[in-house]
Amino acid sequence: MASSSSNSSEVTPPWLELPREMTTTILQKLGAIEILTTAEKVCTTWRSLCQEAAMWQSIDMRNEGNLWEMPYDLEKMCRHAVDRSQGQLIDINIEYFGSDELLLYISQRCPQLRRLRLVLCYGVTGEGVAEAVKNLPLLEELHLYYTYIDNEAIEAVGRCCPLLKSFKLNNHGYKLPHIVCDLEALAVAENMPELRTFNYLEIKCQMKACKPSLTVVLILNHLI
């Protein structure tokens, strides 16, 4: 009986028999928070995989609960994930948390970043975005939802990110005057020569009204 018990305890868990590449793919689908708080603690093999820089070329971090009641600091955790990428980070998505300091931290350590997506990051300002993009000359996609950025910051993005091809901006809820919207649209038209995709909620609202503004026409002509 003792021998039987010993043999059963030495049976390899089924997930350890998977090819290393397949395990990496599965772990990457979990998201950064799940990897750091749960997955890497399952076994030594998974922990080893979670330490590899290749695992962190893409980071997806979302605050899906009450930020103030969480048992961990999301900004600190995000910095940890960025550090693990060893500068190889290409794509990052941050939702419902963040600050100018975090954005600058990311940009200073990951100059190869190609895609940046911020959703409801109320701690991020236009000034913070303008400062961060100085370190991101390879950025190709910048998507900002309910994260405020003004025309001056847009101009900075255009100057610092000459390869930018996709720019999505939703400032809805921050301001309503169409003249401000026009200034931001003009900033896009004049400073983003390689742009192929432009999505701006407030511009869509203008177009659905009566007639598009001059700057909207400039934008559309620029993208054709």
Protein backbone atom coordinates (compact mmCIF):
# COMPACT_ATOMS: atom_id res chain seq x y z
CA MET A 1 0.00 0.00 0.00
CA ALA A 2 2.84 2.37 0.87
CA SER A 3 4.44 1.75 -2.54
CA SER A 4 1.13 2.42 -4.32
CA SER A 5 0.69 5.68 -2.41
CA SER A 6 4.21 6.75 -3.30
CA ASN A 7 3.70 6.04 -7.01
CA SER A 8 0.42 7.97 -7.15
CA SER A 9 2.02 11.02 -5.56
CA GLU A 10 4.67 11.07 -8.28
CA VAL A 11 2.22 11.23 -11.19
CA THR A 12 2.99 14.24 -13.38
CA PRO A 13 0.13 16.77 -13.55
CA PRO A 14 -1.36 16.75 -17.09
CA TRP A 15 -0.61 20.43 -17.70
CA LEU A 16 3.12 19.78 -17.33
CA GLU A 17 3.02 17.42 -20.30
CA LEU A 18 1.98 20.18 -22.70
CA PRO A 19 4.62 21.57 -25.08
CA ARG A 20 6.32 24.65 -23.65
CA GLU A 21 5.09 26.87 -26.49
CA MET A 22 1.48 25.79 -25.95
CA THR A 23 1.70 26.45 -22.23
CA THR A 24 3.08 29.92 -22.92
CA THR A 25 0.17 30.68 -25.27
CA ILE A 26 -2.35 29.53 -22.67
CA LEU A 27 -0.78 31.60 -19.92
CA GLN A 28 -0.69 34.73 -22.06
CA LYS A 29 -4.47 34.55 -22.46
CA LEU A 30 -4.95 34.90 -18.71
CA GLY A 31 -3.88 38.53 -18.47
CA ALA A 32 -1.12 40.10 -16.41
CA ILE A 33 -3.02 40.24 -13.11
CA GLU A 34 -3.95 36.55 -13.19
CA ILE A 35 -0.40 35.56 -14.14
CA LEU A 36 1.21 37.55 -11.33
CA THR A 37 -1.29 36.65 -8.61
CA THR A 38 -2.18 33.06 -9.49
CA ALA A 39 -0.67 31.27 -12.49
CA GLU A 40 3.00 31.65 -11.64
CA LYS A 41 2.34 30.12 -8.22
CA VAL A 42 0.93 26.85 -9.60
CA CYS A 43 4.27 25.11 -10.17
CA THR A 44 7.94 25.77 -10.82
CA THR A 45 7.53 25.18 -14.57
CA TRP A 46 4.86 27.82 -14.88
CA ARG A 47 6.82 30.21 -12.70
CA SER A 48 9.83 29.78 -14.96
CA LEU A 49 7.73 30.56 -18.03
CA CYS A 50 6.19 33.58 -16.36
CA GLN A 51 9.66 34.99 -15.69
CA GLU A 52 10.63 34.99 -19.38
CA ALA A 53 10.68 38.34 -21.17
CA ALA A 54 8.84 36.89 -24.18
CA MET A 55 5.80 36.31 -21.96
CA TRP A 56 5.50 40.06 -21.46
CA GLN A 57 5.68 41.41 -25.00
CA SER A 58 1.96 42.08 -24.62
CA ILE A 59 0.40 43.25 -21.34
CA ASP A 60 -3.32 43.50 -20.62
CA MET A 61 -4.23 44.95 -17.21
CA ARG A 62 -7.79 45.81 -16.22
CA ASN A 63 -9.19 46.96 -12.93
CA GLU A 64 -12.47 45.04 -12.86
CA GLY A 65 -13.25 45.71 -9.21
CA ASN A 66 -12.93 48.43 -6.60
CA LEU A 67 -9.41 49.81 -6.88
CA TRP A 68 -9.39 50.85 -3.22
CA GLU A 69 -10.46 47.44 -1.94
CA MET A 70 -7.97 45.35 -3.89
CA PRO A 71 -5.34 43.44 -1.91
CA TYR A 72 -2.63 44.65 -4.30
CA ASP A 73 -1.43 47.85 -5.93
CA LEU A 74 -2.22 47.74 -9.66
CA GLU A 75 0.29 50.43 -10.59
CA LYS A 76 3.05 48.62 -8.74
CA MET A 77 1.99 45.36 -10.37
CA CYS A 78 2.01 46.98 -13.80
CA ARG A 79 5.54 48.26 -13.23
CA HIS A 80 6.57 44.74 -12.26
CA ALA A 81 5.09 43.34 -15.47
CA VAL A 82 6.86 46.02 -17.52
CA ASP A 83 10.17 45.20 -15.83
CA ARG A 84 9.75 41.55 -16.72
CA SER A 85 9.50 42.44 -20.40
CA GLN A 86 13.11 43.66 -20.26
CA GLY A 87 12.33 46.35 -22.80
CA GLN A 88 10.61 43.95 -25.23
CA LEU A 89 7.08 45.22 -24.56
CA ILE A 90 5.24 45.89 -27.83
CA ASP A 91 1.58 46.14 -26.85
CA ILE A 92 -0.05 47.34 -23.61
CA ASN A 93 -3.68 47.86 -22.61
CA ILE A 94 -4.55 49.59 -19.31
CA GLU A 95 -8.13 50.03 -18.09
CA TYR A 96 -9.65 51.81 -15.09
CA PHE A 97 -6.40 52.82 -13.41
CA GLY A 98 -3.12 54.54 -14.18
CA SER A 99 -1.30 57.85 -13.83
CA ASP A 100 1.15 60.09 -15.65
CA GLU A 101 3.94 58.59 -13.56
CA LEU A 102 3.04 55.06 -14.63
CA LEU A 103 2.81 56.05 -18.29
CA LEU A 104 6.23 57.70 -18.13
CA TYR A 105 7.68 54.62 -16.40
CA ILE A 106 6.39 52.42 -19.22
CA SER A 107 7.70 54.68 -21.98
CA GLN A 108 11.17 55.02 -20.46
CA ARG A 109 11.64 51.25 -20.22
CA CYS A 110 9.91 50.13 -23.39
CA PRO A 111 11.03 52.26 -26.37
CA GLN A 112 9.94 49.48 -28.76
CA LEU A 113 6.27 49.93 -27.83
CA ARG A 114 4.03 49.80 -30.92
CA ARG A 115 0.51 49.84 -29.42
CA LEU A 116 -0.81 51.79 -26.43
CA ARG A 117 -4.44 51.63 -25.31
CA LEU A 118 -5.78 53.55 -22.30
CA VAL A 119 -9.39 53.23 -21.13
CA LEU A 120 -10.86 55.37 -18.34
CA CYS A 121 -7.42 56.24 -17.00
CA TYR A 122 -8.49 59.35 -15.11
CA GLY A 123 -5.03 59.80 -13.61
CA VAL A 124 -3.49 60.28 -17.06
CA THR A 125 -3.40 63.82 -18.44
CA GLY A 126 -2.60 65.35 -21.80
CA GLU A 127 0.68 66.59 -20.38
CA GLY A 128 1.51 63.07 -19.25
CA VAL A 129 0.82 61.64 -22.69
CA ALA A 130 2.91 64.37 -24.36
CA GLU A 131 5.84 63.61 -22.06
CA ALA A 132 5.61 59.83 -22.46
CA VAL A 133 5.50 59.80 -26.27
CA LYS A 134 8.90 61.48 -26.38
CA ASN A 135 10.25 58.01 -25.60
CA LEU A 136 8.05 56.14 -28.10
CA PRO A 137 9.26 56.88 -31.65
CA LEU A 138 8.05 53.48 -32.92
CA LEU A 139 4.46 53.84 -31.70
CA GLU A 140 1.97 52.86 -34.43
CA GLU A 141 -1.34 52.73 -32.55
CA LEU A 142 -2.62 55.06 -29.83
CA HIS A 143 -6.15 54.50 -28.56
CA LEU A 144 -7.54 56.70 -25.77
CA TYR A 145 -11.03 56.21 -24.37
CA TYR A 146 -12.39 58.60 -21.73
CA THR A 147 -8.81 59.66 -21.13
CA TYR A 148 -8.42 63.39 -21.67
CA ILE A 149 -5.96 64.78 -24.20
CA ASP A 150 -6.02 68.25 -25.78
CA ASN A 151 -4.84 69.56 -29.14
CA GLU A 152 -1.38 70.47 -27.81
CA ALA A 153 -0.83 66.91 -26.63
CA ILE A 154 -2.07 65.62 -29.99
CA GLU A 155 0.51 67.80 -31.73
CA ALA A 156 3.20 66.33 -29.46
CA VAL A 157 2.08 62.81 -30.37
CA GLY A 158 2.34 63.68 -34.06
CA ARG A 159 5.85 65.11 -33.67
CA CYS A 160 7.21 62.29 -31.51
CA CYS A 161 5.49 59.33 -33.20
CA PRO A 162 6.06 59.72 -36.96
CA LEU A 163 5.03 56.09 -37.61
CA LEU A 164 1.57 56.46 -36.03
CA LYS A 165 -1.02 54.77 -38.25
CA SER A 166 -4.04 54.41 -35.97
CA PHE A 167 -5.34 57.08 -33.59
CA LYS A 168 -8.60 56.65 -31.69
CA LEU A 169 -9.80 59.31 -29.28
CA ASN A 170 -12.95 59.55 -27.19
CA ASN A 171 -13.03 62.70 -25.10
CA HIS A 172 -16.80 62.48 -24.72
CA GLY A 173 -17.89 63.67 -21.30
CA TYR A 174 -14.97 66.04 -20.82
CA LYS A 175 -16.08 68.87 -23.09
CA LEU A 176 -18.70 69.77 -25.64
CA PRO A 177 -17.79 72.95 -27.60
CA HIS A 178 -17.31 72.11 -31.26
CA ILE A 179 -14.56 74.70 -31.67
CA VAL A 180 -12.35 72.73 -29.30
CA CYS A 181 -13.14 69.58 -31.25
CA ASP A 182 -12.11 71.41 -34.43
CA LEU A 183 -8.75 72.36 -32.92
CA GLU A 184 -8.05 68.75 -32.02
CA ALA A 185 -9.11 67.50 -35.45
CA LEU A 186 -6.86 70.07 -37.11
CA ALA A 187 -3.98 69.00 -34.85
CA VAL A 188 -4.42 65.46 -36.16
CA ALA A 189 -4.57 66.56 -39.80
CA GLU A 190 -1.44 68.68 -39.54
CA ASN A 191 0.76 66.44 -37.40
CA MET A 192 0.08 62.80 -38.28
CA PRO A 193 1.16 62.26 -41.91
CA GLU A 194 1.19 58.43 -41.78
CA LEU A 195 -2.25 58.10 -40.17
CA ARG A 196 -4.50 55.49 -41.79
CA THR A 197 -7.21 55.08 -39.15
CA PHE A 198 -8.75 57.97 -37.24
CA ASN A 199 -11.72 57.52 -34.92
CA TYR A 200 -13.01 60.44 -32.90
CA LEU A 201 -16.42 60.21 -31.24
CA GLU A 202 -17.12 63.95 -31.19
CA ILE A 203 -16.29 64.28 -34.88
CA LYS A 204 -18.76 61.51 -35.64
CA CYS A 205 -21.38 63.49 -33.71
CA GLN A 206 -20.74 66.55 -35.89
CA MET A 207 -21.00 64.53 -39.06
CA LYS A 208 -24.33 63.06 -38.00
CA ALA A 209 -25.71 66.52 -37.28
CA CYS A 210 -26.06 68.79 -40.31
CA LYS A 211 -22.80 69.44 -42.11
CA PRO A 212 -19.22 68.44 -41.25
CA SER A 213 -16.84 71.15 -40.18
CA LEU A 214 -13.91 72.21 -42.35
CA THR A 215 -11.42 70.31 -40.23
CA VAL A 216 -13.45 67.12 -40.53
CA VAL A 217 -13.24 67.48 -44.31
CA LEU A 218 -9.48 68.00 -44.01
CA ILE A 219 -9.19 64.84 -41.94
CA LEU A 220 -11.21 62.74 -44.38
CA ASN A 221 -9.26 64.05 -47.36
CA HIS A 222 -6.02 63.33 -45.53
CA LEU A 223 -6.99 59.68 -44.97
CA ILE A 224 -8.23 58.96 -48.49
